[in-house]
Amino acid sequence: MHYGHAKITNAIAEITNESAEITNAIAEITNAIAEITNESAEITNAIAEITNESAEMTNALAEMTNAIAEITNESTEITNALA
């Protein structure tokens, strides 16, 4: 009877150790997911910055285009006045 009790105790110890290993593996996976999430957030922020800079450049180009249009119109008026 004592031998059977020892077998059960050993089996419980093995299960406990395996549970601890599984818990550690889950913790590692959780940490890896957290790292990926953080890196994804960094990438998203970088994309947002690029998008904002692109919008600023687009606005600057629109201003330049308007300025060129104004110069073109003034040149046309001067040309017509001289004609």
PDB file of N, CA and C in Angstrom:
ATOM      1  N   MET A   1       0.825  -1.186   0.000  1.00  0.00           N
ATOM      2  CA  MET A   1       0.000   0.000   0.000  1.00  0.00           C
ATOM      3  C   MET A   1       0.874   1.257   0.000  1.00  0.00           C
ATOM      4  N   HIS A   2       1.965   1.211   0.759  1.00  0.00           N
ATOM      5  CA  HIS A   2       2.861   2.350   0.820  1.00  0.00           C
ATOM      6  C   HIS A   2       3.507   2.607  -0.535  1.00  0.00           C
ATOM      7  N   TYR A   3       3.829   1.527  -1.263  1.00  0.00           N
ATOM      8  CA  TYR A   3       4.448   1.644  -2.588  1.00  0.00           C
ATOM      9  C   TYR A   3       3.472   2.320  -3.561  1.00  0.00           C
ATOM     10  N   GLY A   4       2.202   1.967  -3.484  1.00  0.00           N
ATOM     11  CA  GLY A   4       1.189   2.580  -4.341  1.00  0.00           C
ATOM     12  C   GLY A   4       1.059   4.069  -4.060  1.00  0.00           C
ATOM     13  N   HIS A   5       1.139   4.419  -2.802  1.00  0.00           N
ATOM     14  CA  HIS A   5       1.060   5.834  -2.417  1.00  0.00           C
ATOM     15  C   HIS A   5       2.237   6.614  -3.003  1.00  0.00           C
ATOM     16  N   ALA A   6       3.427   6.005  -3.002  1.00  0.00           N
ATOM     17  CA  ALA A   6       4.618   6.653  -3.555  1.00  0.00           C
ATOM     18  C   ALA A   6       4.464   6.838  -5.061  1.00  0.00           C
ATOM     19  N   LYS A   7       3.869   5.843  -5.740  1.00  0.00           N
ATOM     20  CA  LYS A   7       3.655   5.958  -7.191  1.00  0.00           C
ATOM     21  C   LYS A   7       2.715   7.121  -7.499  1.00  0.00           C
ATOM     22  N   ILE A   8       1.667   7.254  -6.697  1.00  0.00           N
ATOM     23  CA  ILE A   8       0.715   8.347  -6.912  1.00  0.00           C
ATOM     24  C   ILE A   8       1.401   9.687  -6.652  1.00  0.00           C
ATOM     25  N   THR A   9       2.199   9.760  -5.598  1.00  0.00           N
ATOM     26  CA  THR A   9       2.920  10.997  -5.278  1.00  0.00           C
ATOM     27  C   THR A   9       3.867  11.360  -6.405  1.00  0.00           C
ATOM     28  N   ASN A  10       4.586  10.365  -6.948  1.00  0.00           N
ATOM     29  CA  ASN A  10       5.508  10.628  -8.062  1.00  0.00           C
ATOM     30  C   ASN A  10       4.750  11.087  -9.308  1.00  0.00           C
ATOM     31  N   ALA A  11       3.602  10.458  -9.557  1.00  0.00           N
ATOM     32  CA  ALA A  11       2.814  10.853 -10.721  1.00  0.00           C
ATOM     33  C   ALA A  11       2.330  12.291 -10.567  1.00  0.00           C
ATOM     34  N   ILE A  12       1.885  12.649  -9.381  1.00  0.00           N
ATOM     35  CA  ILE A  12       1.442  14.030  -9.124  1.00  0.00           C
ATOM     36  C   ILE A  12       2.616  14.997  -9.302  1.00  0.00           C
ATOM     37  N   ALA A  13       3.789  14.615  -8.837  1.00  0.00           N
ATOM     38  CA  ALA A  13       4.980  15.467  -8.994  1.00  0.00           C
ATOM     39  C   ALA A  13       5.301  15.662 -10.475  1.00  0.00           C
ATOM     40  N   GLU A  14       5.212  14.582 -11.266  1.00  0.00           N
ATOM     41  CA  GLU A  14       5.473  14.689 -12.704  1.00  0.00           C
ATOM     42  C   GLU A  14       4.460  15.623 -13.364  1.00  0.00           C
ATOM     43  N   ILE A  15       3.189  15.460 -13.017  1.00  0.00           N
ATOM     44  CA  ILE A  15       2.144  16.322 -13.587  1.00  0.00           C
ATOM     45  C   ILE A  15       2.398  17.776 -13.194  1.00  0.00           C
ATOM     46  N   THR A  16       2.787  17.991 -11.949  1.00  0.00           N
ATOM     47  CA  THR A  16       3.086  19.350 -11.477  1.00  0.00           C
ATOM     48  C   THR A  16       4.238  19.954 -12.262  1.00  0.00           C
ATOM     49  N   ASN A  17       5.286  19.159 -12.491  1.00  0.00           N
ATOM     50  CA  ASN A  17       6.433  19.656 -13.260  1.00  0.00           C
ATOM     51  C   ASN A  17       6.044  19.966 -14.701  1.00  0.00           C
ATOM     52  N   GLU A  18       5.256  19.088 -15.297  1.00  0.00           N
ATOM     53  CA  GLU A  18       4.823  19.319 -16.673  1.00  0.00           C
ATOM     54  C   GLU A  18       3.919  20.544 -16.742  1.00  0.00           C
ATOM     55  N   SER A  19       3.080  20.732 -15.743  1.00  0.00           N
ATOM     56  CA  SER A  19       2.225  21.928 -15.698  1.00  0.00           C
ATOM     57  C   SER A  19       3.075  23.181 -15.605  1.00  0.00           C
ATOM     58  N   ALA A  20       4.131  23.120 -14.807  1.00  0.00           N
ATOM     59  CA  ALA A  20       5.038  24.272 -14.678  1.00  0.00           C
ATOM     60  C   ALA A  20       5.710  24.558 -16.018  1.00  0.00           C
ATOM     61  N   GLU A  21       6.120  23.518 -16.732  1.00  0.00           N
ATOM     62  CA  GLU A  21       6.743  23.710 -18.049  1.00  0.00           C
ATOM     63  C   GLU A  21       5.753  24.341 -19.019  1.00  0.00           C
ATOM     64  N   ILE A  22       4.513  23.852 -18.995  1.00  0.00           N
ATOM     65  CA  ILE A  22       3.483  24.418 -19.874  1.00  0.00           C
ATOM     66  C   ILE A  22       3.238  25.880 -19.523  1.00  0.00           C
ATOM     67  N   THR A  23       3.169  26.177 -18.233  1.00  0.00           N
ATOM     68  CA  THR A  23       2.969  27.564 -17.788  1.00  0.00           C
ATOM     69  C   THR A  23       4.113  28.447 -18.275  1.00  0.00           C
ATOM     70  N   ASN A  24       5.335  27.958 -18.174  1.00  0.00           N
ATOM     71  CA  ASN A  24       6.495  28.724 -18.654  1.00  0.00           C
ATOM     72  C   ASN A  24       6.431  28.938 -20.165  1.00  0.00           C
ATOM     73  N   ALA A  25       6.023  27.892 -20.877  1.00  0.00           N
ATOM     74  CA  ALA A  25       5.912  28.018 -22.338  1.00  0.00           C
ATOM     75  C   ALA A  25       4.844  29.051 -22.701  1.00  0.00           C
ATOM     76  N   ILE A  26       3.726  29.025 -21.976  1.00  0.00           N
ATOM     77  CA  ILE A  26       2.670  30.005 -22.229  1.00  0.00           C
ATOM     78  C   ILE A  26       3.175  31.413 -21.921  1.00  0.00           C
ATOM     79  N   ALA A  27       3.941  31.568 -20.868  1.00  0.00           N
ATOM     80  CA  ALA A  27       4.505  32.880 -20.528  1.00  0.00           C
ATOM     81  C   ALA A  27       5.436  33.372 -21.632  1.00  0.00           C
ATOM     82  N   GLU A  28       6.253  32.468 -22.183  1.00  0.00           N
ATOM     83  CA  GLU A  28       7.149  32.854 -23.275  1.00  0.00           C
ATOM     84  C   GLU A  28       6.350  33.300 -24.493  1.00  0.00           C
ATOM     85  N   ILE A  29       5.297  32.539 -24.817  1.00  0.00           N
ATOM     86  CA  ILE A  29       4.450  32.897 -25.962  1.00  0.00           C
ATOM     87  C   ILE A  29       3.788  34.249 -25.714  1.00  0.00           C
ATOM     88  N   THR A  30       3.299  34.465 -24.506  1.00  0.00           N
ATOM     89  CA  THR A  30       2.663  35.739 -24.158  1.00  0.00           C
ATOM     90  C   THR A  30       3.648  36.887 -24.319  1.00  0.00           C
ATOM     91  N   ASN A  31       4.884  36.694 -23.860  1.00  0.00           N
ATOM     92  CA  ASN A  31       5.913  37.732 -24.008  1.00  0.00           C
ATOM     93  C   ASN A  31       6.223  37.994 -25.480  1.00  0.00           C
ATOM     94  N   ALA A  32       6.289  36.928 -26.270  1.00  0.00           N
ATOM     95  CA  ALA A  32       6.557  37.097 -27.699  1.00  0.00           C
ATOM     96  C   ALA A  32       5.427  37.884 -28.356  1.00  0.00           C
ATOM     97  N   ILE A  33       4.185  37.562 -27.985  1.00  0.00           N
ATOM     98  CA  ILE A  33       3.037  38.294 -28.541  1.00  0.00           C
ATOM     99  C   ILE A  33       3.105  39.761 -28.134  1.00  0.00           C
ATOM    100  N   ALA A  34       3.489  40.032 -26.888  1.00  0.00           N
ATOM    101  CA  ALA A  34       3.616  41.417 -26.418  1.00  0.00           C
ATOM    102  C   ALA A  34       4.675  42.162 -27.227  1.00  0.00           C
ATOM    103  N   GLU A  35       5.798  41.501 -27.513  1.00  0.00           N
ATOM    104  CA  GLU A  35       6.852  42.134 -28.315  1.00  0.00           C
ATOM    105  C   GLU A  35       6.341  42.449 -29.720  1.00  0.00           C
ATOM    106  N   ILE A  36       5.638  41.477 -30.323  1.00  0.00           N
ATOM    107  CA  ILE A  36       5.101  41.688 -31.668  1.00  0.00           C
ATOM    108  C   ILE A  36       4.100  42.843 -31.650  1.00  0.00           C
ATOM    109  N   THR A  37       3.272  42.893 -30.621  1.00  0.00           N
ATOM    110  CA  THR A  37       2.289  43.978 -30.498  1.00  0.00           C
ATOM    111  C   THR A  37       2.983  45.324 -30.405  1.00  0.00           C
ATOM    112  N   ASN A  38       4.040  45.397 -29.595  1.00  0.00           N
ATOM    113  CA  ASN A  38       4.794  46.659 -29.462  1.00  0.00           C
ATOM    114  C   ASN A  38       5.440  47.060 -30.779  1.00  0.00           C
ATOM    115  N   GLU A  39       6.029  46.078 -31.472  1.00  0.00           N
ATOM    116  CA  GLU A  39       6.654  46.383 -32.760  1.00  0.00           C
ATOM    117  C   GLU A  39       5.607  46.818 -33.774  1.00  0.00           C
ATOM    118  N   SER A  40       4.438  46.177 -33.736  1.00  0.00           N
ATOM    119  CA  SER A  40       3.362  46.576 -34.641  1.00  0.00           C
ATOM    120  C   SER A  40       2.929  48.006 -34.366  1.00  0.00           C
ATOM    121  N   ALA A  41       2.869  48.363 -33.082  1.00  0.00           N
ATOM    122  CA  ALA A  41       2.497  49.736 -32.718  1.00  0.00           C
ATOM    123  C   ALA A  41       3.530  50.723 -33.234  1.00  0.00           C
ATOM    124  N   GLU A  42       4.807  50.359 -33.132  1.00  0.00           N
ATOM    125  CA  GLU A  42       5.868  51.236 -33.638  1.00  0.00           C
ATOM    126  C   GLU A  42       5.744  51.411 -35.151  1.00  0.00           C
ATOM    127  N   ILE A  43       5.473  50.300 -35.842  1.00  0.00           N
ATOM    128  CA  ILE A  43       5.316  50.368 -37.304  1.00  0.00           C
ATOM    129  C   ILE A  43       4.107  51.234 -37.662  1.00  0.00           C
ATOM    130  N   THR A  44       3.014  51.050 -36.935  1.00  0.00           N
ATOM    131  CA  THR A  44       1.809  51.850 -37.182  1.00  0.00           C
ATOM    132  C   THR A  44       2.101  53.331 -36.978  1.00  0.00           C
ATOM    133  N   ASN A  45       2.840  53.653 -35.920  1.00  0.00           N
ATOM    134  CA  ASN A  45       3.204  55.055 -35.668  1.00  0.00           C
ATOM    135  C   ASN A  45       4.088  55.610 -36.785  1.00  0.00           C
ATOM    136  N   ALA A  46       5.020  54.794 -37.254  1.00  0.00           N
ATOM    137  CA  ALA A  46       5.896  55.238 -38.344  1.00  0.00           C
ATOM    138  C   ALA A  46       5.071  55.493 -39.606  1.00  0.00           C
ATOM    139  N   ILE A  47       4.118  54.604 -39.887  1.00  0.00           N
ATOM    140  CA  ILE A  47       3.253  54.792 -41.061  1.00  0.00           C
ATOM    141  C   ILE A  47       2.440  56.074 -40.903  1.00  0.00           C
ATOM    142  N   ALA A  48       1.942  56.326 -39.697  1.00  0.00           N
ATOM    143  CA  ALA A  48       1.167  57.547 -39.454  1.00  0.00           C
ATOM    144  C   ALA A  48       2.025  58.786 -39.695  1.00  0.00           C
ATOM    145  N   GLU A  49       3.275  58.747 -39.254  1.00  0.00           N
ATOM    146  CA  GLU A  49       4.179  59.879 -39.482  1.00  0.00           C
ATOM    147  C   GLU A  49       4.409  60.098 -40.972  1.00  0.00           C
ATOM    148  N   ILE A  50       4.639  58.987 -41.698  1.00  0.00           N
ATOM    149  CA  ILE A  50       4.866  59.095 -43.149  1.00  0.00           C
ATOM    150  C   ILE A  50       3.622  59.656 -43.827  1.00  0.00           C
ATOM    151  N   THR A  51       2.456  59.189 -43.390  1.00  0.00           N
ATOM    152  CA  THR A  51       1.202  59.681 -43.959  1.00  0.00           C
ATOM    153  C   THR A  51       1.041  61.173 -43.717  1.00  0.00           C
ATOM    154  N   ASN A  52       1.343  61.616 -42.493  1.00  0.00           N
ATOM    155  CA  ASN A  52       1.252  63.049 -42.183  1.00  0.00           C
ATOM    156  C   ASN A  52       2.233  63.869 -43.010  1.00  0.00           C
ATOM    157  N   GLU A  53       3.462  63.354 -43.148  1.00  0.00           N
ATOM    158  CA  GLU A  53       4.452  64.071 -43.951  1.00  0.00           C
ATOM    159  C   GLU A  53       4.028  64.124 -45.416  1.00  0.00           C
ATOM    160  N   SER A  54       3.441  63.042 -45.898  1.00  0.00           N
ATOM    161  CA  SER A  54       2.958  63.032 -47.280  1.00  0.00           C
ATOM    162  C   SER A  54       1.852  64.054 -47.472  1.00  0.00           C
ATOM    163  N   ALA A  55       0.965  64.156 -46.477  1.00  0.00           N
ATOM    164  CA  ALA A  55      -0.111  65.149 -46.554  1.00  0.00           C
ATOM    165  C   ALA A  55       0.466  66.560 -46.569  1.00  0.00           C
ATOM    166  N   GLU A  56       1.489  66.805 -45.731  1.00  0.00           N
ATOM    167  CA  GLU A  56       2.132  68.122 -45.716  1.00  0.00           C
ATOM    168  C   GLU A  56       2.761  68.437 -47.067  1.00  0.00           C
ATOM    169  N   MET A  57       3.430  67.422 -47.654  1.00  0.00           N
ATOM    170  CA  MET A  57       4.057  67.632 -48.970  1.00  0.00           C
ATOM    171  C   MET A  57       3.004  67.888 -50.041  1.00  0.00           C
ATOM    172  N   THR A  58       1.901  67.162 -49.968  1.00  0.00           N
ATOM    173  CA  THR A  58       0.813  67.370 -50.930  1.00  0.00           C
ATOM    174  C   THR A  58       0.272  68.788 -50.821  1.00  0.00           C
ATOM    175  N   ASN A  59       0.087  69.252 -49.578  1.00  0.00           N
ATOM    176  CA  ASN A  59      -0.380  70.632 -49.377  1.00  0.00           C
ATOM    177  C   ASN A  59       0.618  71.644 -49.917  1.00  0.00           C
ATOM    178  N   ALA A  60       1.895  71.398 -49.677  1.00  0.00           N
ATOM    179  CA  ALA A  60       2.929  72.308 -50.174  1.00  0.00           C
ATOM    180  C   ALA A  60       2.921  72.330 -51.708  1.00  0.00           C
ATOM    181  N   LEU A  61       2.757  71.156 -52.318  1.00  0.00           N
ATOM    182  CA  LEU A  61       2.700  71.103 -53.786  1.00  0.00           C
ATOM    183  C   LEU A  61       1.468  71.843 -54.312  1.00  0.00           C
ATOM    184  N   ALA A  62       0.355  71.708 -53.593  1.00  0.00           N
ATOM    185  CA  ALA A  62      -0.858  72.421 -54.007  1.00  0.00           C
ATOM    186  C   ALA A  62      -0.639  73.924 -53.947  1.00  0.00           C
ATOM    187  N   GLU A  63       0.037  74.398 -52.901  1.00  0.00           N
ATOM    188  CA  GLU A  63       0.339  75.826 -52.789  1.00  0.00           C
ATOM    189  C   GLU A  63       1.239  76.288 -53.931  1.00  0.00           C
ATOM    190  N   MET A  64       2.243  75.462 -54.251  1.00  0.00           N
ATOM    191  CA  MET A  64       3.142  75.812 -55.353  1.00  0.00           C
ATOM    192  C   MET A  64       2.387  75.841 -56.679  1.00  0.00           C
ATOM    193  N   THR A  65       1.508  74.871 -56.862  1.00  0.00           N
ATOM    194  CA  THR A  65       0.715  74.830 -58.098  1.00  0.00           C
ATOM    195  C   THR A  65      -0.146  76.075 -58.219  1.00  0.00           C
ATOM    196  N   ASN A  66      -0.766  76.481 -57.099  1.00  0.00           N
ATOM    197  CA  ASN A  66      -1.577  77.707 -57.119  1.00  0.00           C
ATOM    198  C   ASN A  66      -0.722  78.933 -57.424  1.00  0.00           C
ATOM    199  N   ALA A  67       0.468  78.983 -56.843  1.00  0.00           N
ATOM    200  CA  ALA A  67       1.368  80.113 -57.100  1.00  0.00           C
ATOM    201  C   ALA A  67       1.752  80.151 -58.578  1.00  0.00           C
ATOM    202  N   ILE A  68       2.043  78.983 -59.148  1.00  0.00           N
ATOM    203  CA  ILE A  68       2.403  78.923 -60.576  1.00  0.00           C
ATOM    204  C   ILE A  68       1.219  79.375 -61.432  1.00  0.00           C
ATOM    205  N   ALA A  69       0.020  78.952 -61.032  1.00  0.00           N
ATOM    206  CA  ALA A  69      -1.178  79.366 -61.781  1.00  0.00           C
ATOM    207  C   ALA A  69      -1.347  80.879 -61.733  1.00  0.00           C
ATOM    208  N   GLU A  70      -1.099  81.479 -60.562  1.00  0.00           N
ATOM    209  CA  GLU A  70      -1.202  82.934 -60.432  1.00  0.00           C
ATOM    210  C   GLU A  70      -0.175  83.625 -61.325  1.00  0.00           C
ATOM    211  N   ILE A  71       1.060  83.121 -61.315  1.00  0.00           N
ATOM    212  CA  ILE A  71       2.119  83.707 -62.147  1.00  0.00           C
ATOM    213  C   ILE A  71       1.742  83.578 -63.620  1.00  0.00           C
ATOM    214  N   THR A  72       1.197  82.402 -63.990  1.00  0.00           N
ATOM    215  CA  THR A  72       0.792  82.183 -65.377  1.00  0.00           C
ATOM    216  C   THR A  72      -0.298  83.173 -65.770  1.00  0.00           C
ATOM    217  N   ASN A  73      -1.274  83.360 -64.891  1.00  0.00           N
ATOM    218  CA  ASN A  73      -2.353  84.319 -65.179  1.00  0.00           C
ATOM    219  C   ASN A  73      -1.819  85.743 -65.313  1.00  0.00           C
ATOM    220  N   GLU A  74      -0.918  86.126 -64.426  1.00  0.00           N
ATOM    221  CA  GLU A  74      -0.336  87.461 -64.505  1.00  0.00           C
ATOM    222  C   GLU A  74       0.481  87.624 -65.775  1.00  0.00           C
ATOM    223  N   SER A  75       1.212  86.586 -66.151  1.00  0.00           N
ATOM    224  CA  SER A  75       1.999  86.634 -67.383  1.00  0.00           C
ATOM    225  C   SER A  75       1.073  86.792 -68.588  1.00  0.00           C
ATOM    226  N   THR A  76      -0.049  86.079 -68.561  1.00  0.00           N
ATOM    227  CA  THR A  76      -1.009  86.187 -69.653  1.00  0.00           C
ATOM    228  C   THR A  76      -1.582  87.606 -69.730  1.00  0.00           C
ATOM    229  N   GLU A  77      -1.890  88.186 -68.564  1.00  0.00           N
ATOM    230  CA  GLU A  77      -2.412  89.565 -68.548  1.00  0.00           C
ATOM    231  C   GLU A  77      -1.383  90.551 -69.095  1.00  0.00           C
ATOM    232  N   ILE A  78      -0.136  90.363 -68.709  1.00  0.00           N
ATOM    233  CA  ILE A  78       0.937  91.255 -69.184  1.00  0.00           C
ATOM    234  C   ILE A  78       1.088  91.082 -70.711  1.00  0.00           C
ATOM    235  N   THR A  79       1.076  89.831 -71.154  1.00  0.00           N
ATOM    236  CA  THR A  79       1.209  89.562 -72.584  1.00  0.00           C
ATOM    237  C   THR A  79       0.055  90.221 -73.358  1.00  0.00           C
ATOM    238  N   ASN A  80      -1.148  90.083 -72.842  1.00  0.00           N
ATOM    239  CA  ASN A  80      -2.302  90.676 -73.499  1.00  0.00           C
ATOM    240  C   ASN A  80      -2.213  92.209 -73.494  1.00  0.00           C
ATOM    241  N   ALA A  81      -1.733  92.785 -72.402  1.00  0.00           N
ATOM    242  CA  ALA A  81      -1.600  94.243 -72.321  1.00  0.00           C
ATOM    243  C   ALA A  81      -0.575  94.771 -73.326  1.00  0.00           C
ATOM    244  N   LEU A  82       0.483  93.971 -73.542  1.00  0.00           N
ATOM    245  CA  LEU A  82       1.528  94.388 -74.463  1.00  0.00           C
ATOM    246  C   LEU A  82       1.111  94.200 -75.930  1.00  0.00           C
ATOM    247  N   ALA A  83       0.178  93.318 -76.152  1.00  0.00           N
ATOM    248  CA  ALA A  83      -0.183  92.978 -77.533  1.00  0.00           C
ATOM    249  C   ALA A  83      -0.881  94.123 -78.263  1.00  0.00           C
TER     250      ALA A  83
END
